[in-house]
Amino acid sequence: MTRTIRVEQVGAVATVTISHPERFNAMSRLMWRELRAVFEQLQVSIEVRCIVIRGEGAHFCAGGDISEYASFRFEEASLRDFHENDVWGALNAMLSCDVPMIAHIDGNCMGAGVEIASCCDIRLASSAACFGAPIAKLGFPMAPREAALVTREVGLTAARQMLLEATLFSAEDMKACGFLSQVIDPEALHAHVHSSAQRVADLAPAAARANKQTLRALNAPLNSVVAQENRTDGASVHLNSPYAYASSLEHREGVQAFIDKRKPCF
């Protein structure tokens, strides 16, 4: 089974491919670590002027690789390590990269896929693409900084529907809420992305990096997402302990039900 992050460079454009086609390019822990390493390398490259990130084959990224969740999600310490080091380490490396990034989105763009696309500067999608973060069906919430990132990019209304209702959105829906730059016919997507990447690469690279640094400074840093005060209303999960749900029954039930291919009983 192929599970990797592949990088290919043609001229000044680097293409980063999420490759796990057997699971619609779902992200494994190793792939998150590879993604971080790739973007740390691209950040210091003097040859790359534009980065395109895409999925292998017909899908962008269908989320996380749920088949490996039982090995680490049910203990708070390992769950925290996964989100704070593996996932956020990769996303933060993308957000910190000064090279302009274009998301080439087709097929499923779910959960981790939405998070990865949220790190990109320009998002171009096929009219056949589908978006969402239906993790409530798996019995767990989105980690705080990941939720802050997605909410900043898709907007609060869409984020609420994604997380609270497990709503799936079309490409046109996501363009309407400002997440996508353009929606393109599937047959024309590759050529359109290539053309966009070449336009970026033909411009002044130092100016592009400076613009990204300025735009980054204009947004509140996501690393500053802070814990709430302890609630007094009896709520059992809050940001002071965002991974305390690790061993909860509904978390175990949601993940196991997906593996068993049945409807969860919450």
Protein backbone atom coordinates (compact mmCIF):
# COMPACT_ATOMS: atom_id res chain seq x y z
CA MET A 1 0.00 0.00 0.00
CA THR A 2 1.44 3.37 -1.06
CA ARG A 3 1.34 5.96 1.73
CA THR A 4 3.64 8.87 1.10
CA ILE A 5 4.08 12.54 0.25
CA ARG A 6 5.78 12.87 -3.12
CA VAL A 7 7.53 15.98 -4.48
CA GLU A 8 8.30 16.67 -8.13
CA GLN A 9 9.80 19.88 -9.50
CA VAL A 10 9.50 21.17 -13.06
CA GLY A 11 11.21 24.50 -13.56
CA ALA A 12 10.30 26.79 -10.66
CA VAL A 13 7.10 24.88 -9.76
CA ALA A 14 7.11 22.09 -7.18
CA THR A 15 4.16 19.70 -7.05
CA VAL A 16 3.48 18.04 -3.70
CA THR A 17 1.30 14.94 -4.10
CA ILE A 18 -0.61 13.28 -1.27
CA SER A 19 -0.40 9.62 -2.26
CA HIS A 20 -2.52 7.03 -0.50
CA PRO A 21 -4.91 6.13 -3.32
CA GLU A 22 -6.25 2.97 -1.67
CA ARG A 23 -7.95 5.21 0.91
CA PHE A 24 -8.68 8.26 -1.26
CA ASN A 25 -5.39 9.82 -0.04
CA ALA A 26 -6.27 9.72 3.66
CA MET A 27 -3.41 10.98 5.85
CA SER A 28 -1.48 8.54 8.04
CA ARG A 29 0.71 9.68 10.95
CA LEU A 30 3.81 9.08 8.85
CA MET A 31 2.37 11.14 6.01
CA TRP A 32 1.79 14.09 8.37
CA ARG A 33 5.43 13.90 9.41
CA GLU A 34 6.54 13.67 5.80
CA LEU A 35 4.38 16.67 4.88
CA ARG A 36 6.08 18.73 7.58
CA ALA A 37 9.55 17.75 6.35
CA VAL A 38 8.64 18.55 2.75
CA PHE A 39 7.46 22.08 3.54
CA GLU A 40 10.39 22.81 5.81
CA GLN A 41 12.63 21.93 2.84
CA LEU A 42 10.59 23.94 0.35
CA GLN A 43 10.71 26.99 2.62
CA VAL A 44 14.50 27.22 2.25
CA SER A 45 14.61 26.37 -1.46
CA ILE A 46 15.90 29.19 -3.66
CA GLU A 47 14.69 27.51 -6.85
CA VAL A 48 11.00 26.98 -6.07
CA ARG A 49 8.72 29.93 -6.79
CA CYS A 50 5.34 28.19 -6.57
CA ILE A 51 4.02 25.03 -4.91
CA VAL A 52 1.03 23.03 -6.13
CA ILE A 53 -0.45 20.54 -3.67
CA ARG A 54 -2.76 17.83 -4.96
CA GLY A 55 -3.91 14.29 -4.32
CA GLU A 56 -2.99 11.16 -6.23
CA GLY A 57 -5.61 10.24 -8.83
CA ALA A 58 -9.21 11.38 -8.52
CA HIS A 59 -9.25 12.72 -4.94
CA PHE A 60 -7.51 15.46 -2.96
CA CYS A 61 -7.59 13.98 0.57
CA ALA A 62 -10.42 12.11 2.27
CA GLY A 63 -9.32 12.93 5.83
CA GLY A 64 -7.30 10.88 8.29
CA ASP A 65 -6.45 7.20 7.95
CA ILE A 66 -9.05 5.85 10.36
CA SER A 67 -7.66 2.32 10.13
CA GLU A 68 -4.76 3.32 12.40
CA TYR A 69 -6.78 5.43 14.88
CA ALA A 70 -7.27 2.68 17.45
CA SER A 71 -3.50 2.49 17.97
CA PHE A 72 -3.24 5.99 19.46
CA ARG A 73 -6.52 7.91 19.71
CA PHE A 74 -7.88 6.37 22.93
CA GLU A 75 -5.13 7.64 25.26
CA GLU A 76 -5.01 11.37 26.01
CA ALA A 77 -1.21 11.71 25.82
CA SER A 78 -0.85 9.95 22.45
CA LEU A 79 -3.89 11.77 21.06
CA ARG A 80 -2.37 15.11 22.09
CA ASP A 81 0.96 14.13 20.52
CA PHE A 82 -0.80 13.27 17.27
CA HIS A 83 -2.64 16.59 16.98
CA GLU A 84 -0.05 18.94 18.46
CA ASN A 85 3.07 17.42 16.87
CA ASP A 86 2.12 15.35 13.82
CA VAL A 87 -0.87 17.29 12.48
CA TRP A 88 -0.15 20.81 13.67
CA GLY A 89 3.55 20.39 12.97
CA ALA A 90 2.73 19.80 9.31
CA LEU A 91 0.04 22.47 9.05
CA ASN A 92 2.26 25.03 10.76
CA ALA A 93 5.12 24.22 8.37
CA MET A 94 2.74 24.95 5.50
CA LEU A 95 1.47 28.16 7.08
CA SER A 96 5.05 29.30 7.73
CA CYS A 97 6.18 28.65 4.15
CA ASP A 98 6.79 31.87 2.20
CA VAL A 99 6.46 30.23 -1.22
CA PRO A 100 3.02 30.81 -2.82
CA MET A 101 0.85 27.66 -2.68
CA ILE A 102 -1.98 26.53 -4.94
CA ALA A 103 -4.39 23.77 -3.92
CA HIS A 104 -5.44 21.54 -6.85
CA ILE A 105 -8.67 20.01 -5.50
CA ASP A 106 -10.69 17.22 -7.05
CA GLY A 107 -12.97 14.55 -5.59
CA ASN A 108 -13.09 14.22 -1.81
CA CYS A 109 -11.63 17.03 0.31
CA MET A 110 -12.62 16.03 3.84
CA GLY A 111 -11.32 16.75 7.33
CA ALA A 112 -7.54 16.70 6.99
CA GLY A 113 -8.00 17.63 3.33
CA VAL A 114 -9.89 20.80 4.25
CA GLU A 115 -7.17 21.60 6.80
CA ILE A 116 -4.37 21.15 4.26
CA ALA A 117 -6.24 23.19 1.63
CA SER A 118 -6.83 25.90 4.26
CA CYS A 119 -3.07 26.48 4.37
CA CYS A 120 -2.91 27.32 0.67
CA ASP A 121 -3.02 30.80 -0.85
CA ILE A 122 -5.06 29.99 -3.96
CA ARG A 123 -7.59 27.15 -4.04
CA LEU A 124 -8.78 25.85 -7.39
CA ALA A 125 -11.33 23.04 -7.46
CA SER A 126 -13.13 20.79 -9.88
CA SER A 127 -16.89 21.25 -10.03
CA ALA A 128 -17.05 17.60 -8.92
CA ALA A 129 -15.16 18.21 -5.66
CA CYS A 130 -16.91 17.63 -2.32
CA PHE A 131 -15.95 19.21 1.01
CA GLY A 132 -16.65 18.57 4.68
CA ALA A 133 -15.38 17.50 8.09
CA PRO A 134 -17.92 14.89 9.26
CA ILE A 135 -15.86 13.80 12.27
CA ALA A 136 -18.86 14.11 14.59
CA LYS A 137 -19.92 10.78 13.04
CA LEU A 138 -16.69 9.36 14.47
CA GLY A 139 -17.41 10.66 17.95
CA PHE A 140 -14.73 13.32 18.29
CA PRO A 141 -14.26 17.09 17.83
CA MET A 142 -11.74 18.98 15.72
CA ALA A 143 -8.60 20.00 17.63
CA PRO A 144 -8.67 23.70 18.65
CA ARG A 145 -5.98 25.12 16.37
CA GLU A 146 -7.18 23.04 13.45
CA ALA A 147 -10.72 24.33 14.03
CA ALA A 148 -9.41 27.90 14.20
CA LEU A 149 -7.61 27.45 10.90
CA VAL A 150 -10.62 25.95 9.11
CA THR A 151 -13.02 28.54 10.56
CA ARG A 152 -10.77 31.39 9.44
CA GLU A 153 -10.76 30.09 5.87
CA VAL A 154 -14.29 28.70 5.35
CA GLY A 155 -16.09 31.18 7.60
CA LEU A 156 -17.93 30.65 10.86
CA THR A 157 -21.29 29.69 9.37
CA ALA A 158 -19.87 26.97 7.13
CA ALA A 159 -17.57 25.72 9.91
CA ARG A 160 -20.54 25.34 12.25
CA GLN A 161 -22.42 23.29 9.67
CA MET A 162 -19.36 21.15 8.94
CA LEU A 163 -18.68 20.34 12.58
CA LEU A 164 -22.13 20.37 14.18
CA GLU A 165 -24.27 18.94 11.37
CA ALA A 166 -21.60 17.02 9.40
CA THR A 167 -22.77 18.91 6.32
CA LEU A 168 -21.06 18.18 3.00
CA PHE A 169 -20.55 21.10 0.62
CA SER A 170 -20.22 21.30 -3.14
CA ALA A 171 -17.45 23.26 -4.84
CA GLU A 172 -19.95 26.01 -5.70
CA ASP A 173 -20.96 26.21 -2.03
CA MET A 174 -17.31 26.62 -1.02
CA LYS A 175 -16.73 29.30 -3.64
CA ALA A 176 -19.76 31.17 -2.36
CA CYS A 177 -18.37 31.25 1.18
CA GLY A 178 -14.99 32.49 -0.11
CA PHE A 179 -12.96 29.32 0.41
CA LEU A 180 -12.32 28.64 -3.28
CA SER A 181 -10.82 31.06 -5.76
CA GLN A 182 -12.43 29.35 -8.75
CA VAL A 183 -14.49 26.30 -9.70
CA ILE A 184 -13.43 24.66 -12.96
CA ASP A 185 -14.74 21.87 -15.18
CA PRO A 186 -12.99 18.60 -14.24
CA GLU A 187 -11.45 18.20 -17.69
CA ALA A 188 -9.89 21.67 -17.54
CA LEU A 189 -8.67 21.64 -13.93
CA HIS A 190 -5.13 20.39 -14.52
CA ALA A 191 -4.44 22.90 -17.29
CA HIS A 192 -5.94 25.74 -15.26
CA VAL A 193 -3.81 24.93 -12.21
CA HIS A 194 -0.70 24.66 -14.38
CA SER A 195 -1.42 28.05 -15.94
CA SER A 196 -2.00 29.66 -12.54
CA ALA A 197 1.20 28.17 -11.11
CA GLN A 198 3.21 29.41 -14.08
CA ARG A 199 1.83 32.94 -13.69
CA VAL A 200 2.91 32.93 -10.05
CA ALA A 201 6.34 31.49 -10.87
CA ASP A 202 6.95 34.14 -13.56
CA LEU A 203 6.60 36.99 -11.06
CA ALA A 204 9.24 38.37 -8.70
CA PRO A 205 9.95 35.67 -6.09
CA ALA A 206 11.22 38.01 -3.37
CA ALA A 207 8.08 40.14 -3.69
CA ALA A 208 5.91 37.02 -3.41
CA ARG A 209 7.66 35.96 -0.22
CA ALA A 210 7.34 39.48 1.21
CA ASN A 211 3.64 39.57 0.36
CA LYS A 212 3.09 36.26 2.12
CA GLN A 213 4.89 37.52 5.21
CA THR A 214 2.71 40.65 5.22
CA LEU A 215 -0.50 38.70 4.74
CA ARG A 216 0.51 36.32 7.52
CA ALA A 217 1.09 39.25 9.89
CA LEU A 218 -2.37 40.64 9.14
CA ASN A 219 -4.00 37.48 10.51
CA ALA A 220 -4.05 36.68 14.20
CA PRO A 221 -1.51 33.89 14.73
CA LEU A 222 -3.21 30.55 15.06
CA ASN A 223 -0.52 29.41 17.48
CA SER A 224 -1.97 31.88 19.98
CA VAL A 225 -5.26 30.00 20.36
CA VAL A 226 -5.58 29.85 24.14
CA ALA A 227 -7.48 27.73 26.60
CA GLN A 228 -10.78 28.85 27.99
CA GLU A 229 -11.24 29.18 31.70
CA ASN A 230 -12.69 26.12 33.41
CA ARG A 231 -16.40 26.07 32.83
CA THR A 232 -18.80 25.90 35.74
CA ASP A 233 -21.82 24.63 33.79
CA GLY A 234 -20.92 20.96 34.12
CA ALA A 235 -19.47 20.62 30.61
CA SER A 236 -16.95 17.78 30.52
CA VAL A 237 -14.93 18.90 27.49
CA HIS A 238 -13.37 22.36 27.06
CA LEU A 239 -10.20 23.89 25.72
CA ASN A 240 -8.29 23.55 28.96
CA SER A 241 -8.22 19.83 28.23
CA PRO A 242 -9.08 19.46 24.53
CA TYR A 243 -7.99 15.82 24.35
CA ALA A 244 -9.68 14.56 27.50
CA TYR A 245 -12.27 12.80 25.35
CA ALA A 246 -9.65 10.26 24.23
CA SER A 247 -10.98 7.34 26.28
CA SER A 248 -14.66 8.30 26.06
CA LEU A 249 -17.20 5.69 25.02
CA GLU A 250 -18.58 7.75 22.15
CA HIS A 251 -15.09 8.27 20.73
CA ARG A 252 -14.41 4.53 20.79
CA GLU A 253 -17.86 3.78 19.38
CA GLY A 254 -17.54 6.27 16.52
CA VAL A 255 -14.16 4.98 15.36
CA GLN A 256 -15.11 1.30 15.78
CA ALA A 257 -18.40 1.77 13.94
CA PHE A 258 -16.56 3.25 10.97
CA ILE A 259 -14.12 0.33 10.94
CA ASP A 260 -17.05 -2.10 11.23
CA LYS A 261 -18.91 -0.24 8.45
CA ARG A 262 -22.01 0.27 10.57
CA LYS A 263 -23.92 3.23 11.96
CA PRO A 264 -22.57 4.37 15.35
CA CYS A 265 -24.82 4.24 18.39
CA PHE A 266 -24.23 7.38 20.45
